[in-house]
N, C-alpha and C. Protein backbone atom coordinates (compact mmCIF):
# COMPACT_ATOMS: atom_id res chain seq x y z
N UNK A 1 28.61 23.95 128.59
CA UNK A 1 27.88 22.49 128.45
C UNK A 1 28.04 21.92 127.00
N UNK A 2 28.17 20.67 126.87
CA UNK A 2 28.37 20.25 125.74
C UNK A 2 27.15 19.01 125.19
N UNK A 3 26.60 18.83 124.64
CA UNK A 3 25.62 17.81 124.26
C UNK A 3 25.81 16.98 123.08
N UNK A 4 25.72 15.44 123.31
CA UNK A 4 25.56 14.71 122.11
C UNK A 4 24.69 14.99 120.78
N UNK A 5 24.32 15.57 121.07
CA UNK A 5 23.21 16.37 119.93
C UNK A 5 23.78 17.70 119.27
N UNK A 6 25.24 17.75 119.54
CA UNK A 6 25.85 18.70 118.38
C UNK A 6 25.68 20.01 119.16
N UNK A 7 25.46 20.76 120.38
CA UNK A 7 25.35 22.11 120.63
C UNK A 7 26.33 22.33 121.99
N UNK A 8 26.60 23.40 122.13
CA UNK A 8 27.39 23.77 123.14
C UNK A 8 26.80 25.23 123.36
N UNK A 9 27.02 25.05 125.47
CA UNK A 9 26.47 26.44 125.65
C UNK A 9 27.66 26.82 126.88
N UNK A 10 27.24 28.00 127.10
CA UNK A 10 28.20 28.75 127.90
C UNK A 10 27.71 30.10 128.52
N UNK A 11 27.77 30.48 129.95
CA UNK A 11 27.76 31.83 130.18
C UNK A 11 28.85 32.64 130.12
N UNK A 12 28.18 34.29 130.08
CA UNK A 12 29.25 35.09 130.09
C UNK A 12 30.41 35.02 130.97
N UNK A 13 30.06 34.24 132.09
CA UNK A 13 31.04 34.20 133.26
C UNK A 13 31.51 32.75 133.02
N UNK A 14 31.75 32.22 131.88
CA UNK A 14 32.53 31.31 131.94
C UNK A 14 33.85 31.39 130.83
N UNK A 15 33.37 32.58 130.29
CA UNK A 15 34.72 32.12 129.35
C UNK A 15 35.86 33.48 130.04
N UNK A 16 36.88 33.14 129.67
CA UNK A 16 37.94 34.06 130.02
C UNK A 16 37.92 35.44 130.19
N UNK A 17 38.99 36.33 130.65
CA UNK A 17 38.63 37.85 131.24
C UNK A 17 39.85 38.18 130.68
N UNK A 18 39.90 38.69 129.61
CA UNK A 18 41.66 38.89 128.95
C UNK A 18 41.59 40.48 129.03
N UNK A 19 42.26 41.24 130.07
CA UNK A 19 42.77 42.50 130.23
C UNK A 19 43.26 43.04 128.93
N UNK A 20 43.10 44.32 128.53
CA UNK A 20 43.33 45.13 127.48
C UNK A 20 43.09 44.56 126.39
N UNK A 21 43.36 45.71 124.90
CA UNK A 21 44.14 46.56 125.20
C UNK A 21 43.41 47.71 125.89
N UNK A 22 44.19 48.61 126.33
CA UNK A 22 43.60 49.90 127.33
C UNK A 22 42.83 49.35 128.39
N UNK A 23 41.63 49.77 128.46
CA UNK A 23 40.76 49.70 129.47
C UNK A 23 39.55 48.60 128.96
N UNK A 24 39.97 47.85 127.73
CA UNK A 24 38.88 46.58 127.66
C UNK A 24 39.21 45.61 128.67
N UNK A 25 37.81 44.87 128.91
CA UNK A 25 38.21 43.65 129.05
C UNK A 25 37.41 42.56 127.95
N UNK A 26 38.38 41.46 127.73
CA UNK A 26 37.94 40.87 126.14
C UNK A 26 37.38 39.47 126.82
N UNK A 27 36.47 38.81 126.17
CA UNK A 27 35.94 37.65 126.11
C UNK A 27 36.29 36.66 125.26
N UNK A 28 37.28 36.32 124.83
CA UNK A 28 37.08 35.73 123.58
C UNK A 28 36.05 34.60 123.25
N UNK A 29 35.18 34.36 122.51
CA UNK A 29 34.19 33.60 122.58
C UNK A 29 34.30 32.75 121.53
N UNK A 30 34.67 33.15 120.39
CA UNK A 30 35.53 32.44 119.16
C UNK A 30 36.27 31.28 119.51
N UNK A 31 37.48 31.74 120.06
CA UNK A 31 38.44 30.98 120.49
C UNK A 31 37.82 29.63 121.41
N UNK A 32 36.83 30.03 122.46
CA UNK A 32 36.44 29.38 123.31
C UNK A 32 35.38 27.96 122.90
N UNK A 33 34.82 28.58 121.84
CA UNK A 33 33.98 27.22 121.11
C UNK A 33 34.57 26.85 120.11
N UNK A 34 36.00 27.52 119.72
CA UNK A 34 36.41 27.42 118.10
C UNK A 34 35.63 27.75 116.69
N UNK A 35 35.36 28.64 116.99
CA UNK A 35 34.38 29.03 115.83
C UNK A 35 35.12 29.13 114.68
N UNK A 36 34.98 28.39 113.69
CA UNK A 36 35.31 28.55 112.11
C UNK A 36 34.70 29.62 111.28
N UNK A 37 33.29 29.88 111.89
CA UNK A 37 32.94 30.79 110.36
C UNK A 37 32.68 32.37 110.36
N UNK A 38 33.00 32.58 111.61
CA UNK A 38 33.01 33.83 111.51
C UNK A 38 33.72 34.56 113.04
N UNK A 39 34.32 35.59 113.62
CA UNK A 39 34.51 36.12 114.34
C UNK A 39 33.38 36.55 115.60
N UNK A 40 33.82 36.09 116.96
CA UNK A 40 33.06 36.66 117.81
C UNK A 40 33.14 36.87 119.09
N UNK A 41 33.42 37.74 119.69
CA UNK A 41 34.01 38.17 121.12
C UNK A 41 32.59 38.67 122.00
N UNK A 42 32.77 39.09 123.36
CA UNK A 42 32.52 39.71 124.06
C UNK A 42 33.22 41.15 124.89
N UNK A 43 32.91 42.04 125.14
CA UNK A 43 34.01 43.26 126.00
C UNK A 43 33.04 43.96 127.00
N UNK A 44 33.41 43.84 128.14
CA UNK A 44 32.66 43.94 129.26
C UNK A 44 33.44 45.27 130.22
N UNK A 45 32.63 46.16 131.10
CA UNK A 45 33.57 47.31 131.28
C UNK A 45 32.78 47.25 132.90
N UNK A 46 34.44 47.51 133.64
CA UNK A 46 33.97 47.44 135.18
C UNK A 46 33.63 48.59 135.48
N UNK A 47 33.61 49.81 134.91
CA UNK A 47 33.63 51.02 134.94
C UNK A 47 32.40 51.62 133.76
N UNK A 48 32.14 52.95 134.34
CA UNK A 48 31.57 53.69 133.34
C UNK A 48 32.89 54.53 132.57
N UNK A 49 33.10 54.56 131.16
CA UNK A 49 34.21 55.38 130.56
C UNK A 49 35.26 54.39 130.16
N UNK A 50 34.94 52.85 130.79
CA UNK A 50 35.76 52.04 130.13
C UNK A 50 35.39 51.80 128.44
N UNK A 51 36.33 51.66 127.81
CA UNK A 51 35.73 51.32 126.21
C UNK A 51 35.76 49.52 126.32
N UNK A 52 35.05 49.61 125.39
CA UNK A 52 33.79 47.97 125.09
C UNK A 52 33.98 47.69 123.73
N UNK A 53 34.28 48.68 122.70
CA UNK A 53 34.73 48.45 121.48
C UNK A 53 36.08 49.27 121.25
N UNK A 54 37.49 48.83 121.33
CA UNK A 54 38.77 49.79 121.10
C UNK A 54 38.66 50.39 119.63
N UNK A 55 39.26 51.51 119.58
CA UNK A 55 39.12 52.57 118.45
C UNK A 55 39.69 51.80 117.43
N UNK A 56 39.21 51.57 116.38
CA UNK A 56 39.92 50.72 115.38
C UNK A 56 39.14 50.76 114.10
N UNK A 57 39.58 50.71 113.00
CA UNK A 57 38.88 50.25 111.57
C UNK A 57 39.09 48.71 111.37
N UNK A 58 38.39 47.83 110.26
CA UNK A 58 38.40 46.85 109.80
C UNK A 58 39.06 46.83 108.70
N UNK A 59 39.77 47.81 107.82
CA UNK A 59 40.50 47.07 106.29
C UNK A 59 41.32 46.00 106.30
N UNK A 60 41.44 45.66 105.36
CA UNK A 60 42.59 44.96 105.18
C UNK A 60 43.74 45.29 105.08
N UNK A 61 44.67 44.87 106.00
CA UNK A 61 46.08 45.07 106.03
C UNK A 61 47.20 45.03 104.92
N UNK A 62 46.48 43.65 103.72
CA UNK A 62 46.81 43.39 102.49
C UNK A 62 46.07 44.01 101.36
N UNK A 63 46.58 44.30 100.38
CA UNK A 63 45.25 44.67 99.30
C UNK A 63 44.88 43.38 98.56
N UNK A 64 44.92 42.40 99.25
CA UNK A 64 44.98 40.59 98.61
C UNK A 64 43.62 40.52 99.22
N UNK A 65 43.76 40.66 100.63
CA UNK A 65 42.86 40.41 101.81
C UNK A 65 41.36 41.68 101.13
N UNK A 66 40.40 41.10 102.11
CA UNK A 66 39.04 41.77 102.58
C UNK A 66 38.65 42.40 103.71
N UNK A 67 38.07 43.67 104.04
CA UNK A 67 37.91 43.68 105.22
C UNK A 67 36.67 43.23 105.72
N UNK A 68 36.78 43.50 106.94
CA UNK A 68 35.80 42.69 107.81
C UNK A 68 34.65 43.63 108.19
N UNK A 69 33.49 42.91 108.07
CA UNK A 69 32.11 44.13 108.37
C UNK A 69 32.12 43.28 109.58
N UNK A 70 31.43 44.43 110.70
CA UNK A 70 31.02 43.73 111.63
C UNK A 70 29.56 44.11 112.43
N UNK A 71 29.18 43.25 113.29
CA UNK A 71 27.70 43.50 113.96
C UNK A 71 28.19 43.42 115.81
N UNK A 72 27.60 44.85 115.81
CA UNK A 72 27.84 44.72 117.47
C UNK A 72 26.24 44.57 118.12
N UNK A 73 26.26 43.94 119.41
CA UNK A 73 24.85 44.20 120.18
C UNK A 73 25.30 44.41 121.52
N UNK A 74 24.32 45.45 122.10
CA UNK A 74 24.96 45.43 123.69
C UNK A 74 23.99 44.58 124.29
N UNK A 75 24.54 44.00 124.73
CA UNK A 75 23.93 42.95 125.69
C UNK A 75 23.01 43.66 127.47
N UNK A 76 24.29 44.45 127.75
CA UNK A 76 23.81 44.71 129.12
C UNK A 76 23.89 46.36 129.29
N UNK A 77 23.77 46.85 130.14
CA UNK A 77 23.80 48.50 130.10
C UNK A 77 23.72 49.52 128.90
N UNK A 78 24.69 50.22 128.96
CA UNK A 78 24.79 51.46 127.94
C UNK A 78 25.49 51.58 127.27
N UNK A 79 25.91 51.63 126.48
CA UNK A 79 27.35 52.14 125.14
C UNK A 79 27.13 53.43 124.75
N UNK A 80 28.37 54.08 124.92
CA UNK A 80 28.14 55.34 123.75
C UNK A 80 29.24 54.76 122.39
N UNK A 81 28.60 54.67 121.12
CA UNK A 81 29.33 54.54 120.06
C UNK A 81 29.90 55.86 119.35
N UNK A 82 30.98 55.66 118.53
CA UNK A 82 31.47 56.70 117.88
C UNK A 82 31.77 56.04 116.77
N UNK A 83 30.66 56.74 115.58
CA UNK A 83 31.32 55.66 114.24
C UNK A 83 31.61 56.97 113.37
N UNK A 84 32.96 57.06 113.12
CA UNK A 84 33.44 58.16 112.09
C UNK A 84 33.01 59.27 113.39
N UNK A 85 32.34 60.00 112.48
CA UNK A 85 31.99 61.89 113.52
C UNK A 85 30.95 61.66 114.16
N UNK A 86 30.53 60.53 114.12
CA UNK A 86 28.60 60.30 114.65
C UNK A 86 28.57 59.74 115.84
N UNK A 87 27.77 60.14 116.73
CA UNK A 87 28.36 59.81 118.17
C UNK A 87 26.85 59.52 118.69
N UNK A 88 26.37 58.26 119.21
CA UNK A 88 25.03 58.12 119.61
C UNK A 88 25.43 56.72 120.76
N UNK A 89 24.33 57.05 121.33
CA UNK A 89 24.35 55.79 122.64
C UNK A 89 23.53 54.66 122.27
N UNK A 90 23.92 53.47 122.81
CA UNK A 90 23.27 52.45 122.46
C UNK A 90 22.87 51.75 123.95
N UNK A 91 21.46 51.96 124.14
CA UNK A 91 21.07 51.11 125.17
C UNK A 91 20.67 49.51 125.10
N UNK A 92 21.14 48.67 126.12
CA UNK A 92 20.96 47.26 125.74
C UNK A 92 19.81 46.68 125.01
N UNK A 93 20.14 45.76 123.97
CA UNK A 93 19.12 45.55 123.04
C UNK A 93 19.50 46.01 121.94
N UNK A 94 20.57 47.24 121.97
CA UNK A 94 20.25 47.94 120.29
C UNK A 94 21.57 46.79 119.51
N UNK A 95 21.65 46.70 118.31
CA UNK A 95 22.36 46.14 117.44
C UNK A 95 22.82 47.51 116.77
N UNK A 96 24.47 47.49 116.61
CA UNK A 96 24.91 48.16 115.60
C UNK A 96 25.76 47.58 114.25
N UNK A 97 25.45 47.52 113.46
CA UNK A 97 25.86 47.34 112.07
C UNK A 97 26.61 48.13 111.39
N UNK A 98 28.07 47.65 111.00
CA UNK A 98 29.44 48.52 110.31
C UNK A 98 29.42 47.60 108.95
N UNK A 99 28.66 48.08 107.90
CA UNK A 99 29.11 46.96 106.49
C UNK A 99 30.41 47.77 105.70
N UNK A 100 30.75 48.92 106.20
CA UNK A 100 31.89 49.24 105.65
C UNK A 100 33.19 49.38 106.35
N UNK A 101 34.14 48.11 106.12
CA UNK A 101 35.43 48.23 106.99
C UNK A 101 35.87 49.39 107.16
N UNK A 102 35.95 50.41 106.33
CA UNK A 102 36.82 51.51 106.27
C UNK A 102 36.30 52.51 107.71
N UNK A 103 34.95 52.27 108.02
CA UNK A 103 34.41 52.91 109.17
C UNK A 103 35.28 52.94 110.49
N UNK A 104 35.53 54.21 111.18
CA UNK A 104 36.50 54.19 112.27
C UNK A 104 34.82 54.03 113.24
N UNK A 105 35.62 52.93 114.35
CA UNK A 105 34.57 52.63 115.32
C UNK A 105 35.29 53.06 116.69
N UNK A 106 34.47 53.19 117.64
CA UNK A 106 34.88 52.58 119.19
C UNK A 106 33.73 53.10 120.00
N UNK A 107 33.44 52.45 121.47
CA UNK A 107 32.45 52.94 122.08
C UNK A 107 33.00 52.64 123.46
N UNK A 108 32.52 53.31 124.35
CA UNK A 108 32.80 53.55 125.74
C UNK A 108 31.32 53.27 126.24
N UNK A 109 31.71 52.68 127.62
CA UNK A 109 30.38 52.75 128.63
C UNK A 109 30.01 53.49 129.26
N UNK A 110 28.68 53.51 129.54
CA UNK A 110 27.95 54.61 130.35
C UNK A 110 27.86 54.27 131.39
N UNK A 111 27.43 52.96 131.62
CA UNK A 111 27.90 52.21 132.95
C UNK A 111 28.33 51.57 133.18
N UNK A 112 28.59 51.22 134.64
CA UNK A 112 29.44 49.69 135.11
C UNK A 112 28.93 48.83 134.78
N UNK A 113 29.58 47.65 134.13
CA UNK A 113 29.19 46.44 133.65
C UNK A 113 28.11 46.20 132.34
N UNK A 114 28.33 47.04 131.91
CA UNK A 114 28.02 47.41 130.30
C UNK A 114 28.79 45.78 129.61
N UNK A 115 28.23 44.86 128.83
CA UNK A 115 28.67 44.20 127.96
C UNK A 115 28.13 44.12 126.38
N UNK A 116 29.06 44.36 125.50
CA UNK A 116 29.00 44.16 124.19
C UNK A 116 29.35 43.09 123.31
N UNK A 117 28.89 42.41 122.60
CA UNK A 117 29.07 41.29 121.62
C UNK A 117 29.01 41.58 120.20
N UNK A 118 30.29 41.43 119.99
CA UNK A 118 30.65 41.76 118.32
C UNK A 118 30.81 40.17 117.64
N UNK A 119 30.10 40.39 116.34
CA UNK A 119 30.01 39.35 115.51
C UNK A 119 30.95 39.99 114.00
N UNK A 120 31.77 39.17 113.25
CA UNK A 120 32.13 39.67 112.11
C UNK A 120 32.99 38.78 111.13
N UNK A 121 33.42 39.11 110.12
CA UNK A 121 34.49 38.66 109.43
C UNK A 121 34.24 38.98 107.77
N UNK A 122 35.49 38.32 107.04
CA UNK A 122 35.13 38.66 105.55
C UNK A 122 34.50 37.57 105.14
N UNK A 123 34.52 37.42 103.84
CA UNK A 123 34.18 36.26 102.83
C UNK A 123 35.21 35.04 103.10
N UNK A 124 35.16 33.99 103.40
CA UNK A 124 36.50 33.18 103.77
C UNK A 124 37.13 33.11 105.11
N UNK A 125 36.38 33.65 105.81
CA UNK A 125 36.56 34.36 107.28
C UNK A 125 38.36 33.03 107.87
N UNK A 126 38.91 34.18 108.28
CA UNK A 126 39.87 32.98 109.12
C UNK A 126 40.31 34.56 110.36
N UNK A 127 40.16 33.48 111.58
CA UNK A 127 40.51 34.56 112.86
C UNK A 127 41.53 35.67 112.68
N UNK A 128 41.45 36.45 113.22
CA UNK A 128 42.56 37.55 112.95
C UNK A 128 43.76 37.12 114.10
N UNK A 129 44.84 37.74 113.69
CA UNK A 129 45.80 37.26 114.01
C UNK A 129 46.08 38.26 115.80
N UNK A 130 45.64 39.13 115.73
CA UNK A 130 45.99 40.41 116.87
C UNK A 130 45.26 39.22 118.22
N UNK A 131 43.64 38.19 117.77
CA UNK A 131 43.73 37.40 118.39
C UNK A 131 44.44 36.61 119.39
N UNK A 132 45.24 35.78 118.36
CA UNK A 132 46.08 35.03 118.93
C UNK A 132 47.14 35.13 119.78
N UNK A 133 47.66 36.46 119.56
CA UNK A 133 48.60 37.70 120.16
C UNK A 133 48.15 37.79 121.49
N UNK A 134 47.11 38.52 121.50
CA UNK A 134 46.69 38.83 122.71
C UNK A 134 46.28 37.79 123.96
N UNK A 135 45.64 36.58 123.42
CA UNK A 135 45.42 35.10 124.22
C UNK A 135 46.56 34.91 124.75
N UNK A 136 47.97 34.75 123.82
CA UNK A 136 49.03 34.01 124.59
C UNK A 136 49.73 35.65 125.49
N UNK A 137 49.71 36.51 124.89
CA UNK A 137 50.42 37.69 125.78
C UNK A 137 49.83 37.70 127.15
N UNK A 138 48.69 36.99 127.55
CA UNK A 138 48.27 37.19 129.09
C UNK A 138 48.60 36.29 129.90
N UNK A 139 49.28 34.96 129.05
CA UNK A 139 49.87 33.70 129.33
C UNK A 139 51.58 33.87 129.89
N UNK A 140 51.91 35.00 129.59
CA UNK A 140 53.86 34.80 128.99
C UNK A 140 54.09 34.53 130.34
N UNK A 141 53.52 35.26 131.67
CA UNK A 141 54.23 34.57 132.53
C UNK A 141 53.49 33.86 133.48
N UNK A 142 52.42 33.23 133.33
CA UNK A 142 51.63 32.07 133.94
C UNK A 142 52.28 30.49 133.46
N UNK A 143 52.07 30.81 132.08
CA UNK A 143 51.89 29.45 131.28
C UNK A 143 52.32 29.65 130.25
N UNK A 144 53.71 29.49 129.84
CA UNK A 144 54.32 29.55 128.92
C UNK A 144 54.16 29.05 127.55
N UNK A 145 53.93 27.39 127.80
CA UNK A 145 53.58 26.44 126.92
C UNK A 145 52.45 26.71 126.30
N UNK A 146 51.20 27.02 127.23
CA UNK A 146 50.18 27.32 126.48
C UNK A 146 50.18 28.62 125.36
N UNK A 147 50.80 29.55 126.18
CA UNK A 147 51.34 30.53 125.45
C UNK A 147 51.54 30.01 123.99
N UNK A 148 53.21 29.39 124.06
CA UNK A 148 53.52 29.30 122.89
C UNK A 148 52.50 28.10 121.88
N UNK A 149 52.01 27.20 122.09
CA UNK A 149 50.96 26.71 121.64
C UNK A 149 49.57 27.57 120.53
N UNK A 150 49.46 28.99 121.72
CA UNK A 150 48.32 29.68 120.86
C UNK A 150 48.94 30.33 119.67
N UNK A 151 50.43 30.84 119.93
CA UNK A 151 51.19 31.17 118.65
C UNK A 151 51.00 30.34 117.63
N UNK A 152 51.30 29.33 118.06
CA UNK A 152 51.98 28.23 116.64
C UNK A 152 50.65 28.13 116.57
N UNK A 153 49.15 27.91 116.66
CA UNK A 153 48.37 28.23 116.01
C UNK A 153 48.20 29.12 115.08
N UNK A 154 47.99 30.13 115.80
CA UNK A 154 48.13 31.66 114.95
C UNK A 154 48.89 31.63 113.72
N UNK A 155 50.09 31.35 113.88
CA UNK A 155 50.98 31.62 112.63
C UNK A 155 50.67 30.20 111.63
N UNK A 156 50.38 29.28 112.11
CA UNK A 156 49.59 28.27 111.28
C UNK A 156 48.67 28.81 110.44
N UNK A 157 47.82 29.92 110.85
CA UNK A 157 46.91 30.66 110.10
C UNK A 157 47.11 32.01 109.21
N UNK A 158 48.36 32.58 109.78
CA UNK A 158 48.97 33.49 109.54
C UNK A 158 50.47 33.51 109.81
N UNK A 159 50.71 33.03 108.36
CA UNK A 159 52.08 32.56 108.23
C UNK A 159 53.26 33.93 108.13
N UNK A 160 54.46 33.99 109.17
CA UNK A 160 54.91 34.99 108.86
C UNK A 160 54.44 36.53 109.55
N UNK A 161 53.30 36.40 109.97
CA UNK A 161 52.74 37.69 110.59
C UNK A 161 53.62 38.41 111.94
N UNK A 162 54.10 39.43 111.63
CA UNK A 162 55.14 40.43 112.31
C UNK A 162 54.94 40.18 113.79
N UNK A 163 53.04 40.34 114.02
CA UNK A 163 52.81 40.67 115.56
C UNK A 163 52.91 39.29 116.46
N UNK A 164 52.82 38.34 115.86
CA UNK A 164 52.63 36.73 116.33
C UNK A 164 54.21 36.64 116.35
N UNK A 165 55.32 37.36 115.44
CA UNK A 165 56.45 36.36 115.72
C UNK A 165 57.44 37.55 116.86
N UNK A 166 56.64 38.66 117.06
CA UNK A 166 57.35 39.69 118.01
C UNK A 166 56.76 38.94 119.57
N UNK A 167 55.30 38.73 119.55
CA UNK A 167 55.09 37.90 120.81
C UNK A 167 56.15 36.43 120.63
N UNK A 168 56.22 35.75 120.16
CA UNK A 168 57.31 34.67 119.65
C UNK A 168 58.52 35.30 120.45
N UNK A 169 59.27 35.60 120.17
CA UNK A 169 60.56 36.69 120.83
C UNK A 169 60.14 37.04 122.12
N UNK A 170 59.47 37.49 122.23
CA UNK A 170 59.01 38.04 123.68
C UNK A 170 58.75 36.84 124.64
N UNK A 171 58.00 35.88 124.30
CA UNK A 171 57.90 35.30 125.30
C UNK A 171 59.25 33.85 125.15
N UNK A 172 59.95 33.99 124.12
CA UNK A 172 61.38 33.26 124.40
C UNK A 172 62.44 34.24 125.67
N UNK A 173 62.24 35.58 125.17
CA UNK A 173 62.97 36.01 126.19
C UNK A 173 62.38 36.09 127.87
N UNK A 174 61.38 35.79 127.61
CA UNK A 174 60.37 35.30 129.20
C UNK A 174 61.10 33.47 129.65
N UNK A 175 61.38 33.10 128.88
CA UNK A 175 62.02 31.91 128.96
C UNK A 175 63.61 31.83 128.72
N UNK A 176 64.06 33.03 129.32
CA UNK A 176 65.54 33.17 129.17
C UNK A 176 66.20 32.51 128.21
N UNK A 177 65.68 32.40 126.79
CA UNK A 177 66.09 32.30 125.46
C UNK A 177 66.54 32.85 124.32
N UNK A 178 67.39 33.75 124.70
CA UNK A 178 67.98 34.82 124.20
C UNK A 178 68.43 34.60 122.69
N UNK A 179 68.72 33.34 122.95
CA UNK A 179 69.18 33.29 121.31
C UNK A 179 68.22 32.89 120.39
N UNK A 180 66.85 32.36 120.89
CA UNK A 180 66.19 31.80 119.88
C UNK A 180 65.18 33.37 119.73
N UNK A 181 65.06 34.42 120.60
CA UNK A 181 64.58 35.85 120.21
C UNK A 181 65.58 36.41 119.10
N UNK A 182 66.67 36.16 119.76
CA UNK A 182 67.56 37.09 118.54
C UNK A 182 66.96 36.62 117.22
N UNK A 183 67.44 34.69 117.39
CA UNK A 183 67.38 34.47 115.82
C UNK A 183 66.03 35.27 114.95
N UNK A 184 65.03 34.96 116.02
CA UNK A 184 63.32 35.58 115.13
C UNK A 184 63.56 36.73 115.09
N UNK A 185 64.04 37.77 115.69
CA UNK A 185 64.39 39.13 115.13
C UNK A 185 64.99 39.49 114.05
N UNK A 186 66.15 38.83 114.15
CA UNK A 186 66.82 38.90 112.88
C UNK A 186 66.36 38.75 111.73
N UNK A 187 65.74 37.54 111.57
CA UNK A 187 64.69 37.33 110.65
C UNK A 187 63.79 38.26 110.03
N UNK A 188 63.00 38.49 110.91
CA UNK A 188 62.17 39.45 111.00
C UNK A 188 62.42 40.82 110.12
N UNK A 189 63.22 41.52 111.11
CA UNK A 189 63.76 42.71 110.72
C UNK A 189 64.38 42.49 109.25
N UNK A 190 64.52 41.40 108.33
CA UNK A 190 65.00 41.56 106.91
C UNK A 190 63.96 41.72 106.49
N UNK A 191 62.82 41.18 106.71
CA UNK A 191 62.02 40.58 105.87
C UNK A 191 60.45 42.02 106.31
N UNK A 192 60.65 42.35 107.60
CA UNK A 192 59.97 43.56 107.74
C UNK A 192 60.67 44.81 108.74
N UNK A 193 61.24 45.47 108.11
CA UNK A 193 61.84 46.60 108.47
C UNK A 193 60.93 47.24 109.45
N UNK A 194 59.65 47.80 109.43
CA UNK A 194 58.72 48.47 110.09
C UNK A 194 58.55 47.43 111.91
N UNK A 195 59.19 46.36 111.47
CA UNK A 195 59.17 45.35 113.02
C UNK A 195 59.40 46.58 114.45
N UNK A 196 60.48 47.36 113.92
CA UNK A 196 61.07 48.22 114.89
C UNK A 196 59.94 48.93 115.55
N UNK A 197 59.19 49.67 114.70
CA UNK A 197 57.99 50.18 115.26
C UNK A 197 56.75 49.67 115.97
N UNK A 198 56.30 48.68 115.80
CA UNK A 198 55.73 47.65 116.78
C UNK A 198 56.55 47.61 118.10
N UNK A 199 57.65 47.31 118.05
CA UNK A 199 58.40 47.29 119.78
C UNK A 199 57.96 48.60 120.21
N UNK A 200 58.38 49.79 119.64
CA UNK A 200 58.45 51.00 120.31
C UNK A 200 57.15 51.19 120.82
N UNK A 201 56.13 50.64 120.57
CA UNK A 201 54.59 50.81 120.94
C UNK A 201 54.70 50.54 122.36
N UNK A 202 54.57 51.59 123.19
CA UNK A 202 54.99 51.71 124.75
C UNK A 202 54.03 50.40 125.10
N UNK A 203 54.12 49.70 125.94
CA UNK A 203 54.01 48.29 126.83
C UNK A 203 53.53 47.08 125.69
N UNK A 204 53.94 47.14 124.64
CA UNK A 204 53.60 46.03 123.81
C UNK A 204 54.22 44.94 123.74
N UNK A 205 55.68 45.25 123.74
CA UNK A 205 56.83 44.27 124.11
C UNK A 205 58.05 44.59 124.88
N UNK A 206 57.57 44.59 126.08
CA UNK A 206 58.24 45.19 127.19
C UNK A 206 59.83 44.31 127.36
N UNK A 207 59.66 42.92 127.24
CA UNK A 207 60.92 42.54 127.35
C UNK A 207 62.13 42.69 126.25
N UNK A 208 61.19 42.68 124.79
CA UNK A 208 62.13 43.24 123.96
C UNK A 208 62.78 45.03 123.68
N UNK A 209 62.10 46.04 124.48
CA UNK A 209 62.38 47.04 124.81
C UNK A 209 63.19 47.37 125.41
N UNK A 210 63.26 46.21 126.62
CA UNK A 210 64.24 46.32 127.82
C UNK A 210 65.51 45.83 127.53
N UNK A 211 65.51 44.08 126.84
CA UNK A 211 66.94 44.12 126.40
C UNK A 211 67.42 44.39 125.49
N UNK A 212 68.89 44.79 125.89
CA UNK A 212 69.68 45.40 125.24
C UNK A 212 70.26 44.91 123.69
N UNK A 213 69.87 43.78 123.51
CA UNK A 213 70.49 42.84 122.10
C UNK A 213 69.58 43.09 121.31
N UNK A 214 68.15 42.18 121.64
CA UNK A 214 67.14 42.91 120.96
C UNK A 214 66.52 44.45 120.48
N UNK A 215 66.57 45.00 121.66
CA UNK A 215 66.60 46.85 121.62
C UNK A 215 67.34 46.99 120.40
N UNK A 216 68.68 46.81 120.12
CA UNK A 216 69.75 47.45 119.81
C UNK A 216 69.28 46.44 118.07
N UNK A 217 68.89 45.39 117.85
CA UNK A 217 68.76 44.95 116.89
C UNK A 217 67.67 45.64 116.33
N UNK A 218 66.68 46.20 116.26
CA UNK A 218 65.61 46.49 115.97
C UNK A 218 65.55 48.16 115.88
N UNK A 219 66.49 48.65 116.47
CA UNK A 219 66.87 50.20 116.64
C UNK A 219 66.19 50.71 117.44
N UNK A 220 65.72 49.81 118.66
CA UNK A 220 64.88 50.79 119.74
C UNK A 220 65.58 51.38 121.04
N UNK A 221 65.29 52.24 121.62
CA UNK A 221 66.30 52.57 122.64
C UNK A 221 65.01 53.31 123.57
N UNK A 222 65.72 54.02 124.56
CA UNK A 222 64.78 54.81 125.52
C UNK A 222 64.33 55.52 124.60
N UNK A 223 65.07 56.40 123.72
CA UNK A 223 64.21 57.76 123.05
C UNK A 223 62.81 57.18 122.06
N UNK A 224 62.91 56.01 122.04
CA UNK A 224 62.00 55.23 120.80
C UNK A 224 60.59 56.05 121.17
């Protein structure tokens, strides 16, 4: 709900449910409200054992950037967190604060229906590139125009990002535009030879892996 007084409300059920990566179900809260001050997302579990925080850390990819600090809140159910080597249960109502971006983190649901909210960002926050990639990825087969708009928005914030450019090439193949896909990949591999490693990730870019020309360009084959 929007208000003339400058506030907006939404129920968790109003947010899009994006599957993956892995067993995650991601609800893009930040994108829904177009929040520009910090990252904000929700993750829910259909089953006990599903991830509600994917295994990762928040160290910056570039030396010139600062890593993200993160705050998690268990809204419903119960989650088992693993922070580096420490494992603990966090029932509904628990906050978990991680000021150190290098700390490895993950959490799985102890109960079906567990929901974890996440908030975070560095000074001078900008949305992470992965957010745009995953929002676009789930629209590849259903709404390519919307998928491209999301990628364009991401590339405006993260020019030259390898994951976003690979997803753009993947989207081009989905639209039978092999020429555009090859052009994107040619330029990308010249600037980032490690792009082939991204494509080699199982399930990440299935069309780029399956297409003989794009696979050959990035040295990806069935043995990758």
